[in-house]
Amino acid sequence: MDAFSYLSVLLSIILGLAITQVLQGVRGLLLARTRVRIFLPVLLWAGMIVAMAVQSWWASFGLADHREWTFGAFGIVLVQTILLYMLAALVLPDFPPDAPTDLHAHYYRERMAFFGIVVVMLVVSALKDVVLDRHLPSGANLAFHLVFIATGLVAMIARHRRVHEALALATAALLTSYIALLFARLG
């Protein structure tokens, strides 16, 4: 077994837990649907987190060519993966039995932590390229990182519902474009 095959096991477990976390939240939402006040950005972000986890797993194939693994290099990849899990843990609330749940209130209660993690995860993602490849992400990849960071910062500051709805829709479109343009093929 080569080094990355060994190291990727832990990353895959964390990504699987992130996807499971979101799917369990969706299950809770479905079971409690008569007691839930829906808020579109929460649903969009839940879907985007699953897409980010799958994209992260897909993109990790490119790390198989990296030959000089150090604890620091693996650590930064691990931190990025853990931050993605934390987003998955925050995006949907727990659904208590027989109690109403307000996704709007949950979103605004967790928005600073959630979008703070988004920004930190993106900075770590860029630093990962510096640590592994000795340079920032390439042109389009860096541009997407910067737009996503700006979106996260705006979401931390903005309070208006329509702004958050527009940001969630725009981010979903950007994420779809990011994956389609930069990660359509394996390798």
Protein backbone atom coordinates (compact mmCIF):
# COMPACT_ATOMS: atom_id res chain seq x y z
CA MET A 1 0.00 0.00 0.00
CA ASP A 2 1.45 3.38 -1.00
CA ALA A 3 1.50 6.31 1.43
CA PHE A 4 -1.52 8.14 0.06
CA SER A 5 -3.67 5.01 -0.03
CA TYR A 6 -2.93 4.64 3.66
CA LEU A 7 -3.53 8.32 4.48
CA SER A 8 -6.68 8.59 2.39
CA VAL A 9 -8.51 6.09 4.59
CA LEU A 10 -8.85 8.63 7.41
CA LEU A 11 -9.91 11.37 4.98
CA SER A 12 -12.53 9.06 3.45
CA ILE A 13 -13.93 8.22 6.88
CA ILE A 14 -14.32 11.90 7.77
CA LEU A 15 -15.91 12.70 4.40
CA GLY A 16 -18.27 9.76 4.87
CA LEU A 17 -19.19 11.06 8.32
CA ALA A 18 -19.86 14.52 6.85
CA ILE A 19 -22.20 13.08 4.23
CA THR A 20 -23.86 10.93 6.89
CA GLN A 21 -24.31 13.97 9.14
CA VAL A 22 -26.16 15.86 6.40
CA LEU A 23 -28.23 12.85 5.37
CA GLN A 24 -29.25 12.22 8.99
CA GLY A 25 -30.26 15.87 9.20
CA VAL A 26 -32.36 15.52 6.05
CA ARG A 27 -33.94 12.39 7.53
CA GLY A 28 -34.76 14.34 10.70
CA LEU A 29 -36.21 17.12 8.57
CA LEU A 30 -38.42 14.68 6.68
CA LEU A 31 -39.64 12.99 9.85
CA ALA A 32 -40.40 16.34 11.53
CA ARG A 33 -41.65 18.10 8.38
CA THR A 34 -45.02 19.04 9.88
CA ARG A 35 -43.23 20.88 12.70
CA VAL A 36 -40.47 22.57 10.65
CA ARG A 37 -40.37 26.14 9.37
CA ILE A 38 -38.38 25.80 6.13
CA PHE A 39 -35.68 28.26 5.10
CA LEU A 40 -34.30 27.75 1.57
CA PRO A 41 -30.64 28.68 2.29
CA VAL A 42 -30.38 25.86 4.85
CA LEU A 43 -31.57 23.32 2.29
CA LEU A 44 -29.25 24.69 -0.39
CA TRP A 45 -26.25 24.64 1.95
CA ALA A 46 -27.05 21.08 3.02
CA GLY A 47 -26.96 20.02 -0.63
CA MET A 48 -23.79 22.01 -1.28
CA ILE A 49 -22.01 20.38 1.65
CA VAL A 50 -22.76 16.93 0.24
CA ALA A 51 -21.47 18.14 -3.15
CA MET A 52 -18.33 19.59 -1.50
CA ALA A 53 -17.67 16.31 0.30
CA VAL A 54 -18.00 14.33 -2.92
CA GLN A 55 -15.85 16.87 -4.80
CA SER A 56 -13.23 16.73 -2.05
CA TRP A 57 -13.12 12.95 -2.26
CA TRP A 58 -12.97 13.13 -6.08
CA ALA A 59 -10.19 15.76 -6.03
CA SER A 60 -8.19 13.76 -3.49
CA PHE A 61 -7.33 11.32 -6.28
CA GLY A 62 -4.90 14.00 -7.50
CA LEU A 63 -3.03 13.72 -4.19
CA ALA A 64 -2.06 10.13 -5.01
CA ASP A 65 0.82 11.50 -7.09
CA HIS A 66 2.25 13.41 -4.12
CA ARG A 67 5.23 11.40 -2.93
CA GLU A 68 6.80 13.38 -0.09
CA TRP A 69 4.21 13.20 2.67
CA THR A 70 5.04 14.86 5.96
CA PHE A 71 2.87 15.10 9.04
CA GLY A 72 2.37 18.81 8.28
CA ALA A 73 1.31 18.15 4.69
CA PHE A 74 -1.14 15.48 5.77
CA GLY A 75 -2.26 17.69 8.65
CA ILE A 76 -3.37 20.53 6.40
CA VAL A 77 -5.35 18.12 4.19
CA LEU A 78 -6.87 16.65 7.35
CA VAL A 79 -7.78 20.06 8.77
CA GLN A 80 -9.60 20.99 5.54
CA THR A 81 -11.56 17.73 5.73
CA ILE A 82 -12.41 18.26 9.40
CA LEU A 83 -13.66 21.78 8.67
CA LEU A 84 -15.96 20.36 5.99
CA TYR A 85 -17.31 17.91 8.56
CA MET A 86 -17.96 20.81 10.95
CA LEU A 87 -20.02 22.55 8.26
CA ALA A 88 -22.02 19.36 7.89
CA ALA A 89 -22.54 19.26 11.66
CA LEU A 90 -23.85 22.84 11.75
CA VAL A 91 -25.99 23.10 8.62
CA LEU A 92 -29.08 21.33 9.98
CA PRO A 93 -30.29 21.39 13.56
CA ASP A 94 -31.25 18.46 15.71
CA PHE A 95 -34.98 17.83 15.43
CA PRO A 96 -36.43 17.27 18.90
CA PRO A 97 -39.45 14.99 19.04
CA ASP A 98 -42.78 16.79 19.19
CA ALA A 99 -41.22 20.28 19.19
CA PRO A 100 -41.27 22.83 16.37
CA THR A 101 -38.00 23.61 14.58
CA ASP A 102 -37.33 26.90 12.84
CA LEU A 103 -34.64 26.56 10.15
CA HIS A 104 -34.58 30.35 9.74
CA ALA A 105 -33.76 30.85 13.44
CA HIS A 106 -31.19 28.03 13.33
CA TYR A 107 -29.50 29.53 10.26
CA TYR A 108 -29.12 32.98 11.84
CA ARG A 109 -28.04 31.54 15.18
CA GLU A 110 -25.25 29.52 13.52
CA ARG A 111 -24.37 31.82 10.61
CA MET A 112 -21.26 33.43 12.12
CA ALA A 113 -19.74 30.07 13.08
CA PHE A 114 -20.86 28.42 9.83
CA PHE A 115 -19.54 31.08 7.48
CA GLY A 116 -16.45 31.60 9.63
CA ILE A 117 -15.67 27.92 9.07
CA VAL A 118 -16.38 28.35 5.34
CA VAL A 119 -13.80 31.15 5.14
CA VAL A 120 -11.20 29.30 7.22
CA MET A 121 -11.73 26.11 5.17
CA LEU A 122 -11.11 28.03 1.94
CA VAL A 123 -7.96 29.66 3.32
CA VAL A 124 -6.74 26.23 4.45
CA SER A 125 -7.55 24.88 0.97
CA ALA A 126 -5.33 27.53 -0.63
CA LEU A 127 -2.59 26.92 1.94
CA LYS A 128 -2.81 23.21 1.19
CA ASP A 129 -1.62 23.94 -2.35
CA VAL A 130 1.21 26.05 -0.96
CA VAL A 131 2.30 23.28 1.43
CA LEU A 132 1.94 20.44 -1.09
CA ASP A 133 2.90 22.14 -4.37
CA ARG A 134 4.77 25.26 -3.21
CA HIS A 135 2.35 27.64 -4.95
CA LEU A 136 -1.15 29.06 -4.59
CA PRO A 137 -3.98 27.37 -6.50
CA SER A 138 -3.86 28.03 -10.24
CA GLY A 139 -5.78 30.87 -11.95
CA ALA A 140 -9.41 29.73 -12.11
CA ASN A 141 -9.13 27.71 -8.92
CA LEU A 142 -7.73 30.71 -7.02
CA ALA A 143 -10.40 32.99 -8.50
CA PHE A 144 -13.16 30.63 -7.31
CA HIS A 145 -11.53 30.46 -3.85
CA LEU A 146 -11.49 34.26 -3.61
CA VAL A 147 -15.14 34.56 -4.72
CA PHE A 148 -16.21 31.88 -2.23
CA ILE A 149 -14.26 33.65 0.55
CA ALA A 150 -15.92 36.96 -0.33
CA THR A 151 -19.32 35.26 -0.32
CA GLY A 152 -18.62 33.79 3.12
CA LEU A 153 -17.56 37.18 4.49
CA VAL A 154 -20.67 38.87 3.08
CA ALA A 155 -22.83 36.13 4.62
CA MET A 156 -21.20 36.76 8.00
CA ILE A 157 -21.99 40.48 7.81
CA ALA A 158 -25.36 40.56 6.06
CA ARG A 159 -28.53 40.13 8.08
CA HIS A 160 -31.25 40.54 5.47
CA ARG A 161 -33.12 37.37 4.49
CA ARG A 162 -33.12 38.19 0.75
CA VAL A 163 -29.34 38.66 0.76
CA HIS A 164 -28.86 35.20 2.28
CA GLU A 165 -31.31 33.64 -0.14
CA ALA A 166 -29.49 35.25 -3.09
CA LEU A 167 -26.06 34.26 -1.70
CA ALA A 168 -27.14 30.64 -1.27
CA LEU A 169 -28.50 30.46 -4.82
CA ALA A 170 -25.42 32.20 -6.27
CA THR A 171 -23.06 29.97 -4.28
CA ALA A 172 -24.88 26.84 -5.48
CA ALA A 173 -24.47 28.03 -9.08
CA LEU A 174 -20.80 28.90 -8.47
CA LEU A 175 -20.10 25.56 -6.82
CA THR A 176 -21.72 23.73 -9.72
CA SER A 177 -19.58 25.75 -12.16
CA TYR A 178 -16.45 25.17 -10.07
CA ILE A 179 -16.92 21.41 -10.08
CA ALA A 180 -17.91 21.28 -13.77
CA LEU A 181 -14.99 23.43 -14.94
CA LEU A 182 -12.18 22.17 -12.73
CA PHE A 183 -13.12 18.65 -11.65
CA ALA A 184 -15.15 17.11 -14.47
CA ARG A 185 -12.51 14.45 -15.13
CA LEU A 186 -10.63 12.30 -12.70
CA GLY A 187 -6.89 12.75 -12.74
